[in-house]
Amino acid sequence: MLYGALPHESAQAACAVLRRHDLPYVAWPQLPQRHFYERSIVQASWGLPGLVLDASQRRVYVTRETTLAAIPQYTIAFMQKTRVQSAEWTQHEAAGLGELMADIESLGPDVGIKGQMLGPISLAAQLTDEHQQPLLADPALFEGVVIHCCLRARLQADAVMRTNRPAMVCLEEPFYDVMRSPFMTIDRDELLVALARVVLAIPCQRALTLRCGTPLGDIVQLPIDVLIVTHWEDHLVDDRMIADLVVALGSGMRVGIGVVPVDKMDYATTVHTDAHVYAIIQRFLAAGATPAELRRGLVIAPSQSLGQAPVDQAEAVIAQTCTTAAAVDGLLVQLIRGYTE
């Protein structure tokens, strides 16, 4: 499974790469090299009242008073399920989605469509007001971000569901670990509830992406279908995380491991990646997972987004991700036979 961002400057070229590979879900390709508007923070905040996009300075921020004044009406619109025109997807920020939708029949009949966006914690941690203060530092502004993310996630789900294919929306929370900061003014439980509210706003399959090393805790209790852990490295993965992921697998959740390296791709890296994945599988088995659970629920992904990688490197990573997934599937089939014989 891919996160979404690709380094191509052309939506046609990005979609052509995705169509060349056997992917169960094709991620709507976000193209940050194509335009400033396709950066993840811009796409996630698009339509938020008071938003200012300064492409010349590559800056995104909100004007505090405008945002605060609009939050009550914005909230009412969300609660009444009224479509807010300013929050609709546009060709300016979603060329890859438009290209994918225009030629959807070129994909296999069972291929699903996956959207993605920054979750409320990571968006509010990066998005600032005009005084460069993060919105996460202000409970009122953070509430506006949460409502906005709920609305935006629902609209994105509506877009991918219109294909009448399996549909998924993934929330990316690379800044989730900020919840543990002693300087946070918002209670940790409130942040978790805010994330849950956005998850519940998604009317199709729900996925969540976190960085490896983040304590999972109550995350595995969220109503999500896929939990993807990126930057998977041995020194960041403790036995507690493995145990939590095994519990998630046992509950029917799929678990993604972002393990295919993005920085280089050669024969030695390929061999190391496959060996690393096999070692991870052994850790899952030792913690109580069965081969059948892993074959049903394990997802292989790159270690991080491909949006900033060279084009040829990104395409090699996509190919390697598919190759590694196929090798893992073969290994698990053998293990399942060993369990049943």
Protein backbone atom coordinates (compact mmCIF):
# COMPACT_ATOMS: atom_id res chain seq x y z
CA MET A 1 0.00 0.00 0.00
CA LEU A 2 1.27 3.48 -0.87
CA TYR A 3 0.69 6.64 1.16
CA GLY A 4 -0.24 8.80 -1.81
CA ALA A 5 2.35 11.47 -2.58
CA LEU A 6 4.49 10.94 -5.67
CA PRO A 7 7.28 13.18 -7.04
CA HIS A 8 5.98 13.39 -10.61
CA GLU A 9 5.12 16.81 -12.02
CA SER A 10 2.44 15.33 -14.26
CA ALA A 11 -0.75 13.71 -13.01
CA GLN A 12 -0.82 11.55 -16.14
CA ALA A 13 2.69 10.20 -15.47
CA ALA A 14 1.92 9.50 -11.80
CA CYS A 15 -1.29 7.62 -12.59
CA ALA A 16 0.47 5.65 -15.35
CA VAL A 17 2.99 4.35 -12.80
CA LEU A 18 0.22 3.26 -10.43
CA ARG A 19 -1.62 1.43 -13.20
CA ARG A 20 1.51 -0.59 -14.05
CA HIS A 21 1.52 -2.33 -10.67
CA ASP A 22 -0.77 -4.85 -9.01
CA LEU A 23 -2.05 -2.77 -6.09
CA PRO A 24 -5.20 -3.73 -4.15
CA TYR A 25 -5.80 -0.01 -3.51
CA VAL A 26 -4.58 2.74 -5.79
CA ALA A 27 -3.71 5.79 -3.74
CA TRP A 28 -4.87 9.08 -5.17
CA PRO A 29 -1.48 10.57 -6.16
CA GLN A 30 -0.74 13.88 -4.48
CA LEU A 31 1.91 15.78 -6.45
CA PRO A 32 3.82 18.26 -4.25
CA GLN A 33 6.43 18.79 -7.01
CA ARG A 34 3.69 19.80 -9.45
CA HIS A 35 2.31 22.70 -7.42
CA PHE A 36 2.48 24.28 -3.98
CA TYR A 37 -1.24 23.56 -3.61
CA GLU A 38 -0.57 19.80 -3.62
CA ARG A 39 1.51 19.86 -0.44
CA SER A 40 -0.18 17.80 2.27
CA ILE A 41 -0.68 20.75 4.62
CA VAL A 42 -2.34 22.80 1.87
CA GLN A 43 -4.60 19.96 0.80
CA ALA A 44 -5.66 19.23 4.37
CA SER A 45 -6.35 22.87 5.27
CA TRP A 46 -8.01 23.87 1.97
CA GLY A 47 -11.33 25.58 2.65
CA LEU A 48 -10.67 26.32 6.33
CA PRO A 49 -12.15 29.77 7.07
CA GLY A 50 -9.43 32.40 7.34
CA LEU A 51 -6.87 30.32 5.43
CA VAL A 52 -4.12 32.27 3.63
CA LEU A 53 -2.01 30.54 0.96
CA ASP A 54 1.15 32.47 0.12
CA ALA A 55 2.69 30.49 -2.74
CA SER A 56 5.53 33.01 -3.25
CA GLN A 57 6.72 32.48 0.34
CA ARG A 58 5.50 28.88 0.43
CA ARG A 59 3.63 29.71 3.60
CA VAL A 60 0.25 28.51 4.85
CA TYR A 61 -1.48 30.16 7.81
CA VAL A 62 -4.81 31.44 9.08
CA THR A 63 -5.94 34.85 10.25
CA ARG A 64 -7.01 34.18 13.80
CA GLU A 65 -10.04 36.49 14.06
CA THR A 66 -11.51 35.36 10.74
CA THR A 67 -11.20 31.70 11.67
CA LEU A 68 -12.63 32.14 15.15
CA ALA A 69 -15.60 34.13 13.85
CA ALA A 70 -16.46 31.47 11.27
CA ILE A 71 -16.18 28.37 13.49
CA PRO A 72 -19.79 28.39 14.85
CA GLN A 73 -21.40 28.53 11.40
CA TYR A 74 -18.85 26.07 10.05
CA THR A 75 -19.75 23.66 12.84
CA ILE A 76 -23.48 23.99 12.13
CA ALA A 77 -22.87 23.25 8.46
CA PHE A 78 -21.01 20.08 9.37
CA MET A 79 -23.65 18.93 11.88
CA GLN A 80 -26.43 19.51 9.35
CA LYS A 81 -24.37 17.78 6.64
CA THR A 82 -24.58 20.87 4.49
CA ARG A 83 -21.97 20.94 1.74
CA VAL A 84 -19.55 23.80 2.28
CA GLN A 85 -18.44 24.96 -1.15
CA SER A 86 -15.11 26.36 0.06
CA ALA A 87 -14.09 22.92 1.30
CA GLU A 88 -14.82 21.05 -1.94
CA TRP A 89 -11.96 19.40 -3.82
CA THR A 90 -10.64 21.38 -6.76
CA GLN A 91 -8.37 20.66 -9.73
CA HIS A 92 -5.84 23.14 -8.28
CA GLU A 93 -5.07 20.85 -5.36
CA ALA A 94 -6.15 17.46 -6.67
CA ALA A 95 -4.92 16.94 -10.23
CA GLY A 96 -4.04 13.32 -9.45
CA LEU A 97 -7.55 12.57 -8.21
CA GLY A 98 -9.07 14.13 -11.32
CA GLU A 99 -6.81 12.09 -13.60
CA LEU A 100 -7.56 8.89 -11.72
CA MET A 101 -11.31 9.47 -11.89
CA ALA A 102 -11.20 10.34 -15.59
CA ASP A 103 -9.80 6.92 -16.51
CA ILE A 104 -11.06 4.78 -13.65
CA GLU A 105 -12.05 1.92 -15.98
CA SER A 106 -8.38 1.32 -16.81
CA LEU A 107 -7.95 -0.18 -13.35
CA GLY A 108 -8.87 -3.75 -12.57
CA PRO A 109 -12.51 -4.27 -11.53
CA ASP A 110 -11.61 -5.12 -7.92
CA VAL A 111 -9.03 -2.38 -7.38
CA GLY A 112 -10.00 0.05 -4.62
CA ILE A 113 -9.32 3.77 -4.34
CA LYS A 114 -7.50 5.24 -1.35
CA GLY A 115 -7.50 8.87 -0.30
CA GLN A 116 -5.39 10.44 2.43
CA MET A 117 -5.05 13.64 4.41
CA LEU A 118 -3.31 14.99 7.49
CA GLY A 119 -5.18 14.22 10.69
CA PRO A 120 -6.30 16.97 13.08
CA ILE A 121 -3.36 16.72 15.49
CA SER A 122 -0.66 16.92 12.81
CA LEU A 123 -2.50 19.61 10.86
CA ALA A 124 -2.99 21.80 13.93
CA ALA A 125 0.62 21.22 15.01
CA GLN A 126 1.95 22.55 11.67
CA LEU A 127 -0.66 25.15 10.71
CA THR A 128 -0.14 28.53 12.39
CA ASP A 129 -1.91 31.84 12.74
CA GLU A 130 -0.52 35.09 11.36
CA HIS A 131 1.74 35.36 14.41
CA GLN A 132 3.27 31.94 13.69
CA GLN A 133 1.60 30.33 16.71
CA PRO A 134 0.48 26.72 16.01
CA LEU A 135 -3.27 26.25 16.13
CA LEU A 136 -2.74 23.30 18.45
CA ALA A 137 -1.80 25.81 21.16
CA ASP A 138 -5.31 27.34 21.14
CA PRO A 139 -8.23 25.05 22.12
CA ALA A 140 -10.78 27.17 20.20
CA LEU A 141 -8.77 27.16 17.00
CA PHE A 142 -8.01 23.48 17.42
CA GLU A 143 -11.74 22.77 17.62
CA GLY A 144 -12.11 24.58 14.30
CA VAL A 145 -9.40 22.36 12.81
CA VAL A 146 -11.17 19.23 14.08
CA ILE A 147 -14.49 20.27 12.53
CA HIS A 148 -12.68 21.14 9.31
CA CYS A 149 -10.95 17.74 9.21
CA CYS A 150 -14.27 15.98 9.82
CA LEU A 151 -15.80 17.86 6.90
CA ARG A 152 -12.81 17.40 4.65
CA ALA A 153 -12.53 13.67 5.41
CA ARG A 154 -16.22 13.15 4.68
CA LEU A 155 -15.98 15.01 1.38
CA GLN A 156 -12.90 13.02 0.37
CA ALA A 157 -14.69 9.78 1.22
CA ASP A 158 -17.64 10.89 -0.90
CA ALA A 159 -15.27 11.46 -3.82
CA VAL A 160 -13.61 8.03 -3.71
CA MET A 161 -16.90 6.25 -2.97
CA ARG A 162 -18.42 7.63 -6.17
CA THR A 163 -16.25 5.15 -8.08
CA ASN A 164 -18.41 2.28 -6.72
CA ARG A 165 -15.21 0.48 -5.79
CA PRO A 166 -13.72 -0.42 -2.40
CA ALA A 167 -12.98 2.98 -0.86
CA MET A 168 -10.60 3.98 1.92
CA VAL A 169 -9.49 7.27 3.49
CA CYS A 170 -6.26 7.32 5.48
CA LEU A 171 -5.51 9.93 8.15
CA GLU A 172 -1.80 10.68 8.46
CA GLU A 173 -0.61 11.64 11.93
CA PRO A 174 3.20 12.08 11.76
CA PHE A 175 2.99 14.53 14.68
CA TYR A 176 0.84 12.28 16.86
CA ASP A 177 3.67 11.97 19.37
CA VAL A 178 3.21 15.65 20.29
CA MET A 179 0.49 14.35 22.61
CA ARG A 180 3.23 13.35 25.04
CA SER A 181 4.79 16.82 25.18
CA PRO A 182 4.73 18.40 28.67
CA PHE A 183 4.04 21.77 27.01
CA MET A 184 0.70 20.75 25.54
CA THR A 185 -2.20 22.93 26.70
CA ILE A 186 -4.80 20.42 25.47
CA ASP A 187 -5.32 17.24 27.46
CA ARG A 188 -4.09 14.03 25.84
CA ASP A 189 -7.50 12.39 26.14
CA GLU A 190 -9.08 15.37 24.36
CA LEU A 191 -6.63 14.97 21.50
CA LEU A 192 -7.46 11.28 21.21
CA VAL A 193 -11.19 12.08 21.21
CA ALA A 194 -10.59 14.69 18.49
CA LEU A 195 -8.84 12.08 16.35
CA ALA A 196 -11.68 9.63 16.96
CA ARG A 197 -14.23 12.24 15.85
CA VAL A 198 -12.48 12.64 12.50
CA VAL A 199 -12.16 8.87 12.09
CA LEU A 200 -15.88 8.46 12.69
CA ALA A 201 -16.66 11.12 10.08
CA ILE A 202 -15.29 8.81 7.37
CA PRO A 203 -18.19 6.74 5.92
CA CYS A 204 -15.95 4.18 4.19
CA GLN A 205 -12.93 2.11 5.22
CA ARG A 206 -10.71 4.01 7.64
CA ALA A 207 -6.94 3.93 7.91
CA LEU A 208 -4.48 5.69 10.19
CA THR A 209 -0.74 6.24 9.72
CA LEU A 210 1.65 6.80 12.63
CA ARG A 211 5.43 6.91 12.94
CA CYS A 212 7.22 3.93 14.44
CA GLY A 213 8.17 4.39 18.08
CA THR A 214 4.89 6.07 18.97
CA PRO A 215 3.19 4.30 21.91
CA LEU A 216 -0.03 2.88 20.51
CA GLY A 217 -2.04 2.56 23.70
CA ASP A 218 -5.69 3.41 23.03
CA ILE A 219 -5.04 3.88 19.30
CA VAL A 220 -5.75 0.19 18.67
CA GLN A 221 -9.23 0.74 20.15
CA LEU A 222 -10.18 3.33 17.50
CA PRO A 223 -12.73 2.19 14.89
CA ILE A 224 -10.17 1.88 12.09
CA ASP A 225 -9.70 -0.85 9.50
CA VAL A 226 -5.98 -0.37 8.80
CA LEU A 227 -3.23 0.87 11.12
CA ILE A 228 0.00 1.70 9.27
CA VAL A 229 3.24 2.22 11.19
CA THR A 230 5.94 4.02 9.16
CA HIS A 231 9.74 4.35 9.51
CA TRP A 232 9.87 0.78 10.81
CA GLU A 233 13.28 0.26 12.40
CA ASP A 234 14.34 -2.39 14.92
CA HIS A 235 15.63 0.09 17.47
CA LEU A 236 12.26 1.87 17.52
CA VAL A 237 10.07 -1.21 17.83
CA ASP A 238 9.70 -2.53 21.36
CA ASP A 239 7.88 -5.67 22.44
CA ARG A 240 4.92 -3.62 23.66
CA MET A 241 4.25 -2.24 20.17
CA ILE A 242 4.46 -5.73 18.66
CA ALA A 243 2.01 -6.97 21.31
CA ASP A 244 -0.41 -4.13 20.58
CA LEU A 245 -0.25 -4.83 16.85
CA VAL A 246 -0.89 -8.52 17.43
CA VAL A 247 -4.00 -7.58 19.44
CA ALA A 248 -5.08 -5.35 16.54
CA LEU A 249 -4.61 -8.21 14.06
CA GLY A 250 -6.60 -10.55 16.30
CA SER A 251 -9.48 -8.05 16.38
CA GLY A 252 -9.71 -8.05 12.58
CA MET A 253 -7.73 -4.85 11.95
CA ARG A 254 -5.13 -4.86 9.18
CA VAL A 255 -1.65 -3.73 10.18
CA GLY A 256 0.74 -1.98 7.81
CA ILE A 257 4.49 -1.92 8.30
CA GLY A 258 6.28 0.92 6.49
CA VAL A 259 9.52 -0.92 5.95
CA VAL A 260 10.63 -0.57 2.30
CA PRO A 261 13.41 2.07 2.32
CA VAL A 262 13.01 5.18 0.19
CA ASP A 263 16.54 6.61 0.25
CA LYS A 264 18.08 4.00 -2.07
CA MET A 265 17.11 0.88 -3.94
CA ASP A 266 19.67 -1.66 -5.16
CA TYR A 267 20.20 -5.40 -4.89
CA ALA A 268 21.74 -5.21 -1.41
CA THR A 269 18.83 -3.09 -0.18
CA THR A 270 16.35 -5.53 -1.63
CA VAL A 271 17.95 -8.47 0.15
CA HIS A 272 18.13 -6.51 3.41
CA THR A 273 14.48 -5.42 3.12
CA ASP A 274 13.21 -8.96 2.60
CA ALA A 275 15.31 -10.23 5.52
CA HIS A 276 14.05 -7.37 7.70
CA VAL A 277 10.42 -8.17 6.88
CA TYR A 278 10.94 -11.87 7.57
CA ALA A 279 12.44 -10.96 10.97
CA ILE A 280 9.39 -8.79 11.71
CA ILE A 281 7.11 -11.70 10.85
CA GLN A 282 9.01 -13.89 13.31
CA ARG A 283 8.47 -11.27 16.02
CA PHE A 284 4.73 -11.24 15.29
CA LEU A 285 4.61 -15.04 15.45
CA ALA A 286 6.55 -15.08 18.72
CA ALA A 287 4.04 -12.59 20.16
CA GLY A 288 1.10 -14.85 19.35
CA ALA A 289 -0.01 -13.98 15.83
CA THR A 290 -0.81 -16.86 13.50
CA PRO A 291 0.37 -17.12 9.89
CA ALA A 292 -3.26 -16.98 8.76
CA GLU A 293 -3.85 -13.72 10.66
CA LEU A 294 -0.72 -12.23 9.12
CA ARG A 295 -1.67 -13.30 5.60
CA ARG A 296 -5.11 -11.77 6.03
CA GLY A 297 -4.04 -8.60 7.77
CA LEU A 298 -0.40 -7.67 7.12
CA VAL A 299 0.18 -4.76 4.73
CA ILE A 300 3.60 -3.89 3.28
CA ALA A 301 4.34 -0.20 2.63
CA PRO A 302 7.31 2.11 1.97
CA SER A 303 9.01 3.54 5.04
CA GLN A 304 7.77 7.04 4.23
CA SER A 305 6.11 9.21 1.61
CA LEU A 306 7.60 9.20 -1.89
CA GLY A 307 6.70 12.83 -2.62
CA GLN A 308 10.26 14.16 -2.23
CA ALA A 309 12.16 11.24 -3.78
CA PRO A 310 13.63 11.36 -7.32
CA VAL A 311 11.11 10.02 -9.82
CA ASP A 312 13.14 6.96 -10.82
CA GLN A 313 13.79 6.16 -7.17
CA ALA A 314 10.11 6.46 -6.29
CA GLU A 315 9.14 4.13 -9.11
CA ALA A 316 11.74 1.60 -7.96
CA VAL A 317 10.34 1.74 -4.41
CA ILE A 318 6.82 1.08 -5.69
CA ALA A 319 8.06 -1.95 -7.61
CA GLN A 320 10.03 -3.19 -4.60
CA THR A 321 7.02 -2.81 -2.31
CA CYS A 322 4.96 -5.03 -4.60
CA THR A 323 7.81 -7.57 -4.92
CA THR A 324 8.35 -7.74 -1.14
CA ALA A 325 4.61 -8.13 -0.54
CA ALA A 326 4.48 -11.04 -2.99
CA ALA A 327 7.48 -12.70 -1.31
CA VAL A 328 5.88 -12.27 2.12
CA ASP A 329 2.66 -13.80 0.85
CA GLY A 330 4.57 -16.83 -0.42
CA LEU A 331 6.34 -17.23 2.91
CA LEU A 332 3.08 -17.03 4.85
CA VAL A 333 1.44 -19.61 2.59
CA GLN A 334 4.30 -21.99 3.41
CA LEU A 335 3.94 -21.28 7.12
CA ILE A 336 0.19 -21.88 7.00
CA ARG A 337 0.80 -25.27 5.34
CA GLY A 338 3.31 -26.07 8.05
CA TYR A 339 0.74 -25.22 10.74
CA THR A 340 -1.97 -27.40 9.17
CA GLU A 341 0.13 -30.46 8.24
